[in-house]
All heavy atoms as atom14 arrays in JSON, in Angstrom:
{
  "sequence": "LPFWRADERDRGGHFSAKIGAFLERAEARLGDLKSQVTLSEELVADYA",
  "atom14_mask": [
    [1, 1, 1, 1, 1, 1, 1, 1, 0, 0, 0, 0, 0, 0],
    [1, 1, 1, 1, 1, 1, 1, 0, 0, 0, 0, 0, 0, 0],
    [1, 1, 1, 1, 1, 1, 1, 1, 1, 1, 1, 0, 0, 0],
    [1, 1, 1, 1, 1, 1, 1, 1, 1, 1, 1, 1, 1, 1],
    [1, 1, 1, 1, 1, 1, 1, 1, 1, 1, 1, 0, 0, 0],
    [1, 1, 1, 1, 1, 0, 0, 0, 0, 0, 0, 0, 0, 0],
    [1, 1, 1, 1, 1, 1, 1, 1, 0, 0, 0, 0, 0, 0],
    [1, 1, 1, 1, 1, 1, 1, 1, 1, 0, 0, 0, 0, 0],
    [1, 1, 1, 1, 1, 1, 1, 1, 1, 1, 1, 0, 0, 0],
    [1, 1, 1, 1, 1, 1, 1, 1, 0, 0, 0, 0, 0, 0],
    [1, 1, 1, 1, 1, 1, 1, 1, 1, 1, 1, 0, 0, 0],
    [1, 1, 1, 1, 0, 0, 0, 0, 0, 0, 0, 0, 0, 0],
    [1, 1, 1, 1, 0, 0, 0, 0, 0, 0, 0, 0, 0, 0],
    [1, 1, 1, 1, 1, 1, 1, 1, 1, 1, 0, 0, 0, 0],
    [1, 1, 1, 1, 1, 1, 1, 1, 1, 1, 1, 0, 0, 0],
    [1, 1, 1, 1, 1, 1, 0, 0, 0, 0, 0, 0, 0, 0],
    [1, 1, 1, 1, 1, 0, 0, 0, 0, 0, 0, 0, 0, 0],
    [1, 1, 1, 1, 1, 1, 1, 1, 1, 0, 0, 0, 0, 0],
    [1, 1, 1, 1, 1, 1, 1, 1, 0, 0, 0, 0, 0, 0],
    [1, 1, 1, 1, 0, 0, 0, 0, 0, 0, 0, 0, 0, 0],
    [1, 1, 1, 1, 1, 0, 0, 0, 0, 0, 0, 0, 0, 0],
    [1, 1, 1, 1, 1, 1, 1, 1, 1, 1, 1, 0, 0, 0],
    [1, 1, 1, 1, 1, 1, 1, 1, 0, 0, 0, 0, 0, 0],
    [1, 1, 1, 1, 1, 1, 1, 1, 1, 0, 0, 0, 0, 0],
    [1, 1, 1, 1, 1, 1, 1, 1, 1, 1, 1, 0, 0, 0],
    [1, 1, 1, 1, 1, 0, 0, 0, 0, 0, 0, 0, 0, 0],
    [1, 1, 1, 1, 1, 1, 1, 1, 1, 0, 0, 0, 0, 0],
    [1, 1, 1, 1, 1, 0, 0, 0, 0, 0, 0, 0, 0, 0],
    [1, 1, 1, 1, 1, 1, 1, 1, 1, 1, 1, 0, 0, 0],
    [1, 1, 1, 1, 1, 1, 1, 1, 0, 0, 0, 0, 0, 0],
    [1, 1, 1, 1, 0, 0, 0, 0, 0, 0, 0, 0, 0, 0],
    [1, 1, 1, 1, 1, 1, 1, 1, 0, 0, 0, 0, 0, 0],
    [1, 1, 1, 1, 1, 1, 1, 1, 0, 0, 0, 0, 0, 0],
    [1, 1, 1, 1, 1, 1, 1, 1, 1, 0, 0, 0, 0, 0],
    [1, 1, 1, 1, 1, 1, 0, 0, 0, 0, 0, 0, 0, 0],
    [1, 1, 1, 1, 1, 1, 1, 1, 1, 0, 0, 0, 0, 0],
    [1, 1, 1, 1, 1, 1, 1, 0, 0, 0, 0, 0, 0, 0],
    [1, 1, 1, 1, 1, 1, 1, 0, 0, 0, 0, 0, 0, 0],
    [1, 1, 1, 1, 1, 1, 1, 1, 0, 0, 0, 0, 0, 0],
    [1, 1, 1, 1, 1, 1, 0, 0, 0, 0, 0, 0, 0, 0],
    [1, 1, 1, 1, 1, 1, 1, 1, 1, 0, 0, 0, 0, 0],
    [1, 1, 1, 1, 1, 1, 1, 1, 1, 0, 0, 0, 0, 0],
    [1, 1, 1, 1, 1, 1, 1, 1, 0, 0, 0, 0, 0, 0],
    [1, 1, 1, 1, 1, 1, 1, 0, 0, 0, 0, 0, 0, 0],
    [1, 1, 1, 1, 1, 0, 0, 0, 0, 0, 0, 0, 0, 0],
    [1, 1, 1, 1, 1, 1, 1, 1, 0, 0, 0, 0, 0, 0],
    [1, 1, 1, 1, 1, 1, 1, 1, 1, 1, 1, 1, 0, 0],
    [1, 1, 1, 1, 1, 0, 0, 0, 0, 0, 0, 0, 0, 0]
  ],
  "atom14_positions": [
    [[44.78, 158.36, 157.78], [45.17, 157.19, 158.55], [45.58, 157.66, 159.94], [46.42, 158.56, 160.06], [46.34, 156.46, 157.88], [46.01, 155.67, 156.62], [47.29, 155.14, 156.0], [45.06, 154.53, 156.92], [0.0, 0.0, 0.0], [0.0, 0.0, 0.0], [0.0, 0.0, 0.0], [0.0, 0.0, 0.0], [0.0, 0.0, 0.0], [0.0, 0.0, 0.0]],
    [[45.0, 157.11, 161.01], [45.4, 157.53, 162.36], [46.87, 157.22, 162.62], [47.45, 156.31, 162.02], [44.5, 156.7, 163.27], [43.38, 156.23, 162.42], [43.95, 156.09, 161.03], [0.0, 0.0, 0.0], [0.0, 0.0, 0.0], [0.0, 0.0, 0.0], [0.0, 0.0, 0.0], [0.0, 0.0, 0.0], [0.0, 0.0, 0.0], [0.0, 0.0, 0.0]],
    [[47.47, 157.99, 163.52], [48.83, 157.71, 163.97], [48.85, 157.71, 165.49], [48.03, 158.34, 166.14], [49.84, 158.72, 163.41], [49.49, 160.16, 163.69], [49.71, 160.73, 164.95], [48.96, 160.97, 162.69], [49.4, 162.05, 165.2], [48.63, 162.29, 162.95], [48.85, 162.83, 164.2], [0.0, 0.0, 0.0], [0.0, 0.0, 0.0], [0.0, 0.0, 0.0]],
    [[49.78, 156.96, 166.02], [50.0, 156.9, 167.47], [51.46, 157.25, 167.71], [52.36, 156.5, 167.35], [49.65, 155.52, 168.02], [48.18, 155.25, 167.98], [47.27, 155.47, 168.97], [47.43, 154.69, 166.88], [46.0, 155.11, 168.56], [46.07, 154.63, 167.28], [47.76, 154.26, 165.59], [45.06, 154.15, 166.45], [46.76, 153.79, 164.77], [45.43, 153.74, 165.2]],
    [[51.7, 158.41, 168.31], [53.06, 158.93, 168.41], [53.93, 158.13, 169.39], [55.11, 158.01, 169.2], [53.03, 160.39, 168.86], [52.42, 161.34, 167.84], [53.3, 161.49, 166.63], [52.81, 162.54, 165.77], [53.12, 162.68, 164.5], [53.92, 161.8, 163.93], [52.66, 163.67, 163.78], [0.0, 0.0, 0.0], [0.0, 0.0, 0.0], [0.0, 0.0, 0.0]],
    [[53.32, 157.66, 170.47], [54.08, 156.98, 171.53], [55.22, 157.89, 171.97], [55.02, 159.05, 172.25], [54.57, 155.61, 171.06], [0.0, 0.0, 0.0], [0.0, 0.0, 0.0], [0.0, 0.0, 0.0], [0.0, 0.0, 0.0], [0.0, 0.0, 0.0], [0.0, 0.0, 0.0], [0.0, 0.0, 0.0], [0.0, 0.0, 0.0], [0.0, 0.0, 0.0]],
    [[56.47, 157.36, 172.0], [57.58, 158.19, 172.45], [58.42, 158.67, 171.26], [59.6, 158.93, 171.38], [58.48, 157.42, 173.43], [59.05, 156.14, 172.8], [58.65, 155.8, 171.68], [59.91, 155.51, 173.45], [0.0, 0.0, 0.0], [0.0, 0.0, 0.0], [0.0, 0.0, 0.0], [0.0, 0.0, 0.0], [0.0, 0.0, 0.0], [0.0, 0.0, 0.0]],
    [[57.78, 158.8, 170.11], [58.5, 159.22, 168.91], [59.12, 160.61, 169.12], [58.5, 161.51, 169.67], [57.51, 159.26, 167.74], [58.1, 159.76, 166.45], [57.03, 159.86, 165.37], [56.59, 158.81, 164.89], [56.63, 160.98, 165.03], [0.0, 0.0, 0.0], [0.0, 0.0, 0.0], [0.0, 0.0, 0.0], [0.0, 0.0, 0.0], [0.0, 0.0, 0.0]],
    [[60.33, 160.76, 168.65], [61.01, 162.05, 168.76], [61.36, 162.55, 167.38], [61.69, 161.79, 166.48], [62.28, 161.92, 169.6], [62.04, 161.72, 171.07], [63.34, 161.7, 171.83], [64.13, 160.52, 171.51], [65.36, 160.32, 171.96], [65.93, 161.21, 172.72], [66.01, 159.22, 171.64], [0.0, 0.0, 0.0], [0.0, 0.0, 0.0], [0.0, 0.0, 0.0]],
    [[61.32, 163.86, 167.2], [61.73, 164.44, 165.93], [63.25, 164.35, 165.79], [63.99, 164.7, 166.72], [61.3, 165.91, 165.87], [59.8, 166.06, 165.76], [59.17, 165.16, 165.19], [59.26, 167.08, 166.22], [0.0, 0.0, 0.0], [0.0, 0.0, 0.0], [0.0, 0.0, 0.0], [0.0, 0.0, 0.0], [0.0, 0.0, 0.0], [0.0, 0.0, 0.0]],
    [[63.71, 163.91, 164.62], [65.14, 163.8, 164.39], [65.76, 165.2, 164.3], [65.2, 166.12, 163.71], [65.39, 163.04, 163.08], [66.87, 162.67, 162.86], [67.04, 161.85, 161.6], [66.78, 162.66, 160.41], [66.14, 162.21, 159.32], [65.65, 160.98, 159.3], [65.95, 163.0, 158.28], [0.0, 0.0, 0.0], [0.0, 0.0, 0.0], [0.0, 0.0, 0.0]],
    [[66.92, 165.36, 164.9], [67.59, 166.65, 164.92], [68.48, 166.88, 163.7], [68.56, 166.05, 162.79], [0.0, 0.0, 0.0], [0.0, 0.0, 0.0], [0.0, 0.0, 0.0], [0.0, 0.0, 0.0], [0.0, 0.0, 0.0], [0.0, 0.0, 0.0], [0.0, 0.0, 0.0], [0.0, 0.0, 0.0], [0.0, 0.0, 0.0], [0.0, 0.0, 0.0]],
    [[69.18, 168.0, 163.72], [69.97, 168.39, 162.57], [71.26, 167.61, 162.39], [71.76, 167.48, 161.28], [0.0, 0.0, 0.0], [0.0, 0.0, 0.0], [0.0, 0.0, 0.0], [0.0, 0.0, 0.0], [0.0, 0.0, 0.0], [0.0, 0.0, 0.0], [0.0, 0.0, 0.0], [0.0, 0.0, 0.0], [0.0, 0.0, 0.0], [0.0, 0.0, 0.0]],
    [[71.8, 167.06, 163.48], [73.1, 166.4, 163.41], [73.07, 165.21, 162.46], [73.85, 165.13, 161.51], [73.51, 165.93, 164.82], [74.85, 165.29, 164.89], [76.03, 166.01, 164.95], [75.22, 163.98, 164.92], [77.05, 165.18, 165.01], [76.59, 163.94, 164.99], [0.0, 0.0, 0.0], [0.0, 0.0, 0.0], [0.0, 0.0, 0.0], [0.0, 0.0, 0.0]],
    [[72.16, 164.27, 162.69], [72.08, 163.09, 161.86], [71.44, 163.4, 160.51], [71.8, 162.81, 159.48], [71.31, 161.98, 162.57], [71.47, 160.62, 161.94], [72.72, 160.02, 161.86], [70.38, 159.95, 161.4], [72.88, 158.77, 161.27], [70.52, 158.71, 160.82], [71.78, 158.12, 160.74], [0.0, 0.0, 0.0], [0.0, 0.0, 0.0], [0.0, 0.0, 0.0]],
    [[70.51, 164.34, 160.49], [69.87, 164.73, 159.23], [70.9, 165.28, 158.25], [70.83, 165.03, 157.04], [68.78, 165.78, 159.48], [67.74, 165.25, 160.28], [0.0, 0.0, 0.0], [0.0, 0.0, 0.0], [0.0, 0.0, 0.0], [0.0, 0.0, 0.0], [0.0, 0.0, 0.0], [0.0, 0.0, 0.0], [0.0, 0.0, 0.0], [0.0, 0.0, 0.0]],
    [[71.87, 166.04, 158.77], [72.92, 166.59, 157.9], [73.76, 165.48, 157.29], [74.2, 165.57, 156.14], [73.8, 167.55, 158.7], [0.0, 0.0, 0.0], [0.0, 0.0, 0.0], [0.0, 0.0, 0.0], [0.0, 0.0, 0.0], [0.0, 0.0, 0.0], [0.0, 0.0, 0.0], [0.0, 0.0, 0.0], [0.0, 0.0, 0.0], [0.0, 0.0, 0.0]],
    [[73.99, 164.41, 158.05], [74.77, 163.29, 157.52], [74.02, 162.6, 156.38], [74.62, 162.19, 155.37], [75.06, 162.28, 158.64], [75.98, 162.81, 159.72], [76.28, 161.75, 160.76], [77.16, 162.33, 161.85], [78.45, 162.81, 161.32], [0.0, 0.0, 0.0], [0.0, 0.0, 0.0], [0.0, 0.0, 0.0], [0.0, 0.0, 0.0], [0.0, 0.0, 0.0]],
    [[72.71, 162.48, 156.52], [71.9, 161.86, 155.46], [71.97, 162.69, 154.19], [72.21, 162.17, 153.09], [70.44, 161.7, 155.93], [70.37, 160.71, 157.1], [69.53, 161.24, 154.79], [69.01, 160.65, 157.78], [0.0, 0.0, 0.0], [0.0, 0.0, 0.0], [0.0, 0.0, 0.0], [0.0, 0.0, 0.0], [0.0, 0.0, 0.0], [0.0, 0.0, 0.0]],
    [[71.76, 164.0, 154.33], [71.79, 164.88, 153.17], [73.14, 164.89, 152.47], [73.22, 164.89, 151.24], [0.0, 0.0, 0.0], [0.0, 0.0, 0.0], [0.0, 0.0, 0.0], [0.0, 0.0, 0.0], [0.0, 0.0, 0.0], [0.0, 0.0, 0.0], [0.0, 0.0, 0.0], [0.0, 0.0, 0.0], [0.0, 0.0, 0.0], [0.0, 0.0, 0.0]],
    [[74.22, 164.89, 153.26], [75.57, 164.92, 152.67], [75.89, 163.6, 151.97], [76.49, 163.58, 150.89], [76.6, 165.21, 153.76], [0.0, 0.0, 0.0], [0.0, 0.0, 0.0], [0.0, 0.0, 0.0], [0.0, 0.0, 0.0], [0.0, 0.0, 0.0], [0.0, 0.0, 0.0], [0.0, 0.0, 0.0], [0.0, 0.0, 0.0], [0.0, 0.0, 0.0]],
    [[75.5, 162.47, 152.58], [75.77, 161.17, 151.96], [75.03, 161.02, 150.64], [75.6, 160.55, 149.65], [75.37, 160.05, 152.92], [75.48, 158.67, 152.3], [76.7, 158.02, 152.27], [74.38, 158.06, 151.72], [76.81, 156.76, 151.68], [74.48, 156.8, 151.14], [75.7, 156.15, 151.12], [0.0, 0.0, 0.0], [0.0, 0.0, 0.0], [0.0, 0.0, 0.0]],
    [[73.76, 161.42, 150.61], [72.99, 161.28, 149.38], [73.54, 162.18, 148.27], [73.47, 161.83, 147.09], [71.52, 161.59, 149.65], [70.77, 160.55, 150.48], [69.37, 161.02, 150.8], [70.74, 159.2, 149.75], [0.0, 0.0, 0.0], [0.0, 0.0, 0.0], [0.0, 0.0, 0.0], [0.0, 0.0, 0.0], [0.0, 0.0, 0.0], [0.0, 0.0, 0.0]],
    [[74.08, 163.31, 148.63], [74.7, 164.18, 147.63], [75.93, 163.5, 147.02], [76.12, 163.51, 145.8], [75.11, 165.52, 148.26], [75.66, 166.52, 147.25], [76.01, 167.85, 147.88], [76.22, 167.89, 149.11], [76.08, 168.84, 147.15], [0.0, 0.0, 0.0], [0.0, 0.0, 0.0], [0.0, 0.0, 0.0], [0.0, 0.0, 0.0], [0.0, 0.0, 0.0]],
    [[76.74, 162.86, 147.86], [77.92, 162.14, 147.34], [77.48, 160.91, 146.54], [78.05, 160.61, 145.48], [78.82, 161.71, 148.5], [79.45, 162.86, 149.27], [80.59, 162.38, 150.17], [80.16, 161.35, 151.11], [79.65, 161.61, 152.32], [79.49, 162.85, 152.71], [79.3, 160.62, 153.11], [0.0, 0.0, 0.0], [0.0, 0.0, 0.0], [0.0, 0.0, 0.0]],
    [[76.48, 160.2, 147.03], [76.02, 159.0, 146.34], [75.45, 159.34, 144.96], [75.67, 158.61, 143.99], [74.97, 158.28, 147.18], [0.0, 0.0, 0.0], [0.0, 0.0, 0.0], [0.0, 0.0, 0.0], [0.0, 0.0, 0.0], [0.0, 0.0, 0.0], [0.0, 0.0, 0.0], [0.0, 0.0, 0.0], [0.0, 0.0, 0.0], [0.0, 0.0, 0.0]],
    [[74.72, 160.44, 144.87], [74.13, 160.85, 143.58], [75.2, 161.01, 142.51], [75.01, 160.64, 141.35], [73.35, 162.16, 143.78], [72.87, 162.82, 142.5], [71.94, 161.93, 141.68], [71.17, 161.16, 142.27], [72.0, 162.01, 140.44], [0.0, 0.0, 0.0], [0.0, 0.0, 0.0], [0.0, 0.0, 0.0], [0.0, 0.0, 0.0], [0.0, 0.0, 0.0]],
    [[76.35, 161.53, 142.91], [77.43, 161.75, 141.96], [78.12, 160.46, 141.54], [78.9, 160.44, 140.58], [78.46, 162.72, 142.55], [0.0, 0.0, 0.0], [0.0, 0.0, 0.0], [0.0, 0.0, 0.0], [0.0, 0.0, 0.0], [0.0, 0.0, 0.0], [0.0, 0.0, 0.0], [0.0, 0.0, 0.0], [0.0, 0.0, 0.0], [0.0, 0.0, 0.0]],
    [[77.83, 159.34, 142.26], [78.56, 158.1, 141.99], [77.66, 156.97, 141.5], [78.11, 155.83, 141.38], [79.28, 157.67, 143.28], [80.27, 158.73, 143.76], [80.87, 158.39, 145.09], [81.69, 157.19, 145.04], [82.34, 156.69, 146.09], [82.22, 157.28, 147.27], [83.07, 155.6, 145.98], [0.0, 0.0, 0.0], [0.0, 0.0, 0.0], [0.0, 0.0, 0.0]],
    [[76.42, 157.27, 141.21], [75.51, 156.22, 140.76], [75.36, 156.18, 139.24], [74.63, 155.34, 138.71], [74.12, 156.41, 141.4], [74.03, 156.19, 142.9], [72.63, 156.55, 143.4], [74.35, 154.73, 143.26], [0.0, 0.0, 0.0], [0.0, 0.0, 0.0], [0.0, 0.0, 0.0], [0.0, 0.0, 0.0], [0.0, 0.0, 0.0], [0.0, 0.0, 0.0]],
    [[76.08, 157.06, 138.56], [75.88, 157.19, 137.12], [76.44, 156.05, 136.29], [75.94, 155.78, 135.19], [0.0, 0.0, 0.0], [0.0, 0.0, 0.0], [0.0, 0.0, 0.0], [0.0, 0.0, 0.0], [0.0, 0.0, 0.0], [0.0, 0.0, 0.0], [0.0, 0.0, 0.0], [0.0, 0.0, 0.0], [0.0, 0.0, 0.0], [0.0, 0.0, 0.0]],
    [[77.49, 155.37, 136.76], [78.08, 154.28, 135.97], [78.43, 153.12, 136.89], [78.55, 153.27, 138.1], [79.32, 154.76, 135.21], [80.42, 155.26, 136.13], [81.17, 154.42, 136.67], [80.51, 156.49, 136.34], [0.0, 0.0, 0.0], [0.0, 0.0, 0.0], [0.0, 0.0, 0.0], [0.0, 0.0, 0.0], [0.0, 0.0, 0.0], [0.0, 0.0, 0.0]],
    [[78.61, 151.96, 136.27], [78.81, 150.72, 137.03], [80.1, 150.75, 137.84], [80.15, 150.28, 138.98], [78.81, 149.53, 136.08], [78.8, 148.14, 136.73], [77.59, 147.99, 137.63], [78.83, 147.06, 135.67], [0.0, 0.0, 0.0], [0.0, 0.0, 0.0], [0.0, 0.0, 0.0], [0.0, 0.0, 0.0], [0.0, 0.0, 0.0], [0.0, 0.0, 0.0]],
    [[81.17, 151.32, 137.28], [82.45, 151.36, 137.98], [82.36, 152.16, 139.28], [82.86, 151.75, 140.33], [83.52, 151.96, 137.06], [84.91, 151.95, 137.67], [85.94, 152.49, 136.69], [87.34, 152.48, 137.31], [88.37, 153.03, 136.37], [0.0, 0.0, 0.0], [0.0, 0.0, 0.0], [0.0, 0.0, 0.0], [0.0, 0.0, 0.0], [0.0, 0.0, 0.0]],
    [[81.68, 153.31, 139.19], [81.51, 154.14, 140.39], [80.65, 153.44, 141.44], [80.87, 153.57, 142.64], [80.89, 155.49, 140.02], [81.74, 156.22, 139.16], [0.0, 0.0, 0.0], [0.0, 0.0, 0.0], [0.0, 0.0, 0.0], [0.0, 0.0, 0.0], [0.0, 0.0, 0.0], [0.0, 0.0, 0.0], [0.0, 0.0, 0.0], [0.0, 0.0, 0.0]],
    [[79.66, 152.68, 140.96], [78.81, 151.93, 141.88], [79.6, 150.86, 142.64], [79.38, 150.63, 143.83], [77.66, 151.28, 141.12], [76.65, 152.27, 140.54], [75.63, 151.59, 139.66], [75.36, 150.39, 139.8], [75.04, 152.35, 138.74], [0.0, 0.0, 0.0], [0.0, 0.0, 0.0], [0.0, 0.0, 0.0], [0.0, 0.0, 0.0], [0.0, 0.0, 0.0]],
    [[80.56, 150.23, 141.93], [81.39, 149.21, 142.56], [82.26, 149.83, 143.65], [82.39, 149.3, 144.76], [82.27, 148.5, 141.52], [83.3, 147.6, 142.21], [81.39, 147.68, 140.57], [0.0, 0.0, 0.0], [0.0, 0.0, 0.0], [0.0, 0.0, 0.0], [0.0, 0.0, 0.0], [0.0, 0.0, 0.0], [0.0, 0.0, 0.0], [0.0, 0.0, 0.0]],
    [[82.86, 150.99, 143.36], [83.7, 151.65, 144.37], [82.86, 152.12, 145.56], [83.31, 152.07, 146.71], [84.46, 152.85, 143.77], [83.52, 153.79, 143.22], [85.41, 152.38, 142.67], [0.0, 0.0, 0.0], [0.0, 0.0, 0.0], [0.0, 0.0, 0.0], [0.0, 0.0, 0.0], [0.0, 0.0, 0.0], [0.0, 0.0, 0.0], [0.0, 0.0, 0.0]],
    [[81.63, 152.56, 145.29], [80.74, 152.96, 146.38], [80.41, 151.75, 147.26], [80.4, 151.86, 148.49], [79.46, 153.58, 145.82], [78.39, 153.99, 146.85], [78.96, 154.98, 147.86], [77.16, 154.55, 146.15], [0.0, 0.0, 0.0], [0.0, 0.0, 0.0], [0.0, 0.0, 0.0], [0.0, 0.0, 0.0], [0.0, 0.0, 0.0], [0.0, 0.0, 0.0]],
    [[80.17, 150.6, 146.62], [79.88, 149.39, 147.37], [81.05, 149.0, 148.25], [80.89, 148.63, 149.42], [79.53, 148.25, 146.41], [79.3, 147.05, 147.12], [0.0, 0.0, 0.0], [0.0, 0.0, 0.0], [0.0, 0.0, 0.0], [0.0, 0.0, 0.0], [0.0, 0.0, 0.0], [0.0, 0.0, 0.0], [0.0, 0.0, 0.0], [0.0, 0.0, 0.0]],
    [[82.26, 149.08, 147.72], [83.46, 148.76, 148.49], [83.63, 149.71, 149.67], [84.03, 149.31, 150.77], [84.69, 148.82, 147.59], [84.71, 147.71, 146.52], [85.82, 147.9, 145.5], [86.44, 149.01, 145.49], [86.08, 146.97, 144.7], [0.0, 0.0, 0.0], [0.0, 0.0, 0.0], [0.0, 0.0, 0.0], [0.0, 0.0, 0.0], [0.0, 0.0, 0.0]],
    [[83.3, 150.98, 149.45], [83.39, 151.97, 150.53], [82.38, 151.67, 151.64], [82.69, 151.8, 152.83], [83.14, 153.37, 149.96], [83.22, 154.47, 151.0], [82.89, 155.84, 150.4], [83.38, 156.14, 149.29], [82.14, 156.58, 151.05], [0.0, 0.0, 0.0], [0.0, 0.0, 0.0], [0.0, 0.0, 0.0], [0.0, 0.0, 0.0], [0.0, 0.0, 0.0]],
    [[81.18, 151.24, 151.24], [80.16, 150.91, 152.24], [80.59, 149.74, 153.12], [80.32, 149.72, 154.32], [78.83, 150.58, 151.54], [78.1, 151.76, 150.89], [76.93, 151.26, 150.04], [77.6, 152.74, 151.95], [0.0, 0.0, 0.0], [0.0, 0.0, 0.0], [0.0, 0.0, 0.0], [0.0, 0.0, 0.0], [0.0, 0.0, 0.0], [0.0, 0.0, 0.0]],
    [[81.28, 148.78, 152.52], [81.76, 147.63, 153.29], [82.92, 148.04, 154.2], [82.97, 147.68, 155.39], [82.19, 146.49, 152.34], [82.86, 145.37, 153.12], [80.99, 145.96, 151.56], [0.0, 0.0, 0.0], [0.0, 0.0, 0.0], [0.0, 0.0, 0.0], [0.0, 0.0, 0.0], [0.0, 0.0, 0.0], [0.0, 0.0, 0.0], [0.0, 0.0, 0.0]],
    [[83.85, 148.83, 153.67], [85.07, 149.17, 154.41], [84.82, 150.21, 155.51], [85.34, 150.08, 156.62], [86.13, 149.67, 153.44], [0.0, 0.0, 0.0], [0.0, 0.0, 0.0], [0.0, 0.0, 0.0], [0.0, 0.0, 0.0], [0.0, 0.0, 0.0], [0.0, 0.0, 0.0], [0.0, 0.0, 0.0], [0.0, 0.0, 0.0], [0.0, 0.0, 0.0]],
    [[84.03, 151.24, 155.2], [83.89, 152.38, 156.11], [82.58, 152.41, 156.89], [82.5, 153.06, 157.93], [84.03, 153.69, 155.33], [85.39, 153.85, 154.67], [86.33, 153.17, 155.13], [85.52, 154.64, 153.72], [0.0, 0.0, 0.0], [0.0, 0.0, 0.0], [0.0, 0.0, 0.0], [0.0, 0.0, 0.0], [0.0, 0.0, 0.0], [0.0, 0.0, 0.0]],
    [[81.57, 151.73, 156.38], [80.25, 151.81, 157.0], [79.83, 150.49, 157.66], [78.71, 150.37, 158.15], [79.2, 152.22, 155.97], [79.37, 153.63, 155.45], [80.33, 153.93, 154.48], [78.6, 154.68, 155.93], [80.5, 155.22, 154.0], [78.75, 155.97, 155.46], [79.71, 156.24, 154.5], [79.87, 157.52, 154.03], [0.0, 0.0, 0.0], [0.0, 0.0, 0.0]],
    [[80.71, 149.51, 157.67], [80.5, 148.23, 158.35], [79.28, 147.47, 157.83], [78.65, 146.72, 158.57], [80.38, 148.44, 159.87], [0.0, 0.0, 0.0], [0.0, 0.0, 0.0], [0.0, 0.0, 0.0], [0.0, 0.0, 0.0], [0.0, 0.0, 0.0], [0.0, 0.0, 0.0], [0.0, 0.0, 0.0], [0.0, 0.0, 0.0], [0.0, 0.0, 0.0]]
  ]
}
């Protein structure tokens, strides 16, 4: 499939590290419903 790069920029390490760290924490909290509820509350309170 052709692509058109335009002004696309490669994402750097700063934000990529945040993604990797968040998913590591989220993985540990998706196992049961109670942990999912607290994660949801955290997303509302801290992540707007």
